[in-house]
């Protein structure tokens, strides 16, 4: 994730350094789950509905 984009989305709040590591992990899990769902449905394209 781009730190600038994160800061823009949560405007007005400070962001702890360890937040980004946790965010990267959560996004990675989300992407892996979406990829598994697409494959389980016989698709090679991950779509919004896989989230």
C-alpha atoms as a PDB file:
ATOM      1  CA  UNK A   1       0.000   0.000   0.000  1.00  0.00           C
ATOM      2  CA  UNK A   2       1.161   3.506  -0.694  1.00  0.00           C
ATOM      3  CA  UNK A   3       1.602   5.381   2.564  1.00  0.00           C
ATOM      4  CA  UNK A   4       0.450   8.664   1.053  1.00  0.00           C
ATOM      5  CA  UNK A   5      -2.833   7.083  -0.050  1.00  0.00           C
ATOM      6  CA  UNK A   6      -3.375   5.666   3.436  1.00  0.00           C
ATOM      7  CA  UNK A   7      -2.782   9.041   5.038  1.00  0.00           C
ATOM      8  CA  UNK A   8      -5.193  10.695   2.614  1.00  0.00           C
ATOM      9  CA  UNK A   9      -7.934   8.176   3.419  1.00  0.00           C
ATOM     10  CA  UNK A  10      -7.612   8.628   7.176  1.00  0.00           C
ATOM     11  CA  UNK A  11      -7.076  12.340   7.079  1.00  0.00           C
ATOM     12  CA  UNK A  12      -6.567  14.023  10.423  1.00  0.00           C
ATOM     13  CA  UNK A  13      -5.229  10.951  12.246  1.00  0.00           C
ATOM     14  CA  UNK A  14      -1.681   9.833  12.909  1.00  0.00           C
ATOM     15  CA  UNK A  15      -0.593   6.450  11.545  1.00  0.00           C
ATOM     16  CA  UNK A  16       1.678   4.208  13.620  1.00  0.00           C
ATOM     17  CA  UNK A  17       4.589   2.636  11.732  1.00  0.00           C
ATOM     18  CA  UNK A  18       3.454  -0.924  12.528  1.00  0.00           C
ATOM     19  CA  UNK A  19       0.052  -0.185  10.991  1.00  0.00           C
ATOM     20  CA  UNK A  20       1.484  -0.524   7.484  1.00  0.00           C
ATOM     21  CA  UNK A  21       2.864  -4.018   8.144  1.00  0.00           C
ATOM     22  CA  UNK A  22      -0.519  -5.159   9.430  1.00  0.00           C
ATOM     23  CA  UNK A  23      -2.271  -3.517   6.502  1.00  0.00           C
ATOM     24  CA  UNK A  24       0.030  -5.260   4.006  1.00  0.00           C
ATOM     25  CA  UNK A  25      -0.703  -8.595   5.676  1.00  0.00           C
ATOM     26  CA  UNK A  26      -4.471  -8.015   5.646  1.00  0.00           C
ATOM     27  CA  UNK A  27      -4.449  -6.977   1.985  1.00  0.00           C
ATOM     28  CA  UNK A  28      -2.314  -9.997   1.106  1.00  0.00           C
ATOM     29  CA  UNK A  29      -4.842 -12.316   2.753  1.00  0.00           C
ATOM     30  CA  UNK A  30      -7.697 -10.552   0.976  1.00  0.00           C
ATOM     31  CA  UNK A  31      -5.969 -11.007  -2.389  1.00  0.00           C
ATOM     32  CA  UNK A  32      -5.186 -14.670  -1.730  1.00  0.00           C
ATOM     33  CA  UNK A  33      -8.803 -15.349  -0.764  1.00  0.00           C
ATOM     34  CA  UNK A  34     -10.046 -13.577  -3.888  1.00  0.00           C
ATOM     35  CA  UNK A  35      -7.681 -15.587  -6.090  1.00  0.00           C
ATOM     36  CA  UNK A  36      -8.836 -18.859  -4.518  1.00  0.00           C
ATOM     37  CA  UNK A  37     -12.474 -17.905  -5.074  1.00  0.00           C
ATOM     38  CA  UNK A  38     -11.833 -17.084  -8.735  1.00  0.00           C
ATOM     39  CA  UNK A  39     -10.021 -20.385  -9.272  1.00  0.00           C
ATOM     40  CA  UNK A  40     -12.759 -22.308  -7.445  1.00  0.00           C
ATOM     41  CA  UNK A  41     -15.253 -20.804  -9.866  1.00  0.00           C
ATOM     42  CA  UNK A  42     -13.175 -21.843 -12.898  1.00  0.00           C
ATOM     43  CA  UNK A  43     -12.001 -18.334 -13.738  1.00  0.00           C
ATOM     44  CA  UNK A  44      -8.514 -16.980 -14.351  1.00  0.00           C
ATOM     45  CA  UNK A  45      -9.649 -13.420 -13.741  1.00  0.00           C
ATOM     46  CA  UNK A  46     -10.146 -12.056 -10.239  1.00  0.00           C
ATOM     47  CA  UNK A  47     -13.245  -9.894 -10.144  1.00  0.00           C
ATOM     48  CA  UNK A  48     -14.800  -7.517  -7.630  1.00  0.00           C
ATOM     49  CA  UNK A  49     -17.273 -10.201  -6.583  1.00  0.00           C
ATOM     50  CA  UNK A  50     -14.336 -12.320  -5.359  1.00  0.00           C
ATOM     51  CA  UNK A  51     -13.754  -9.852  -2.562  1.00  0.00           C
END
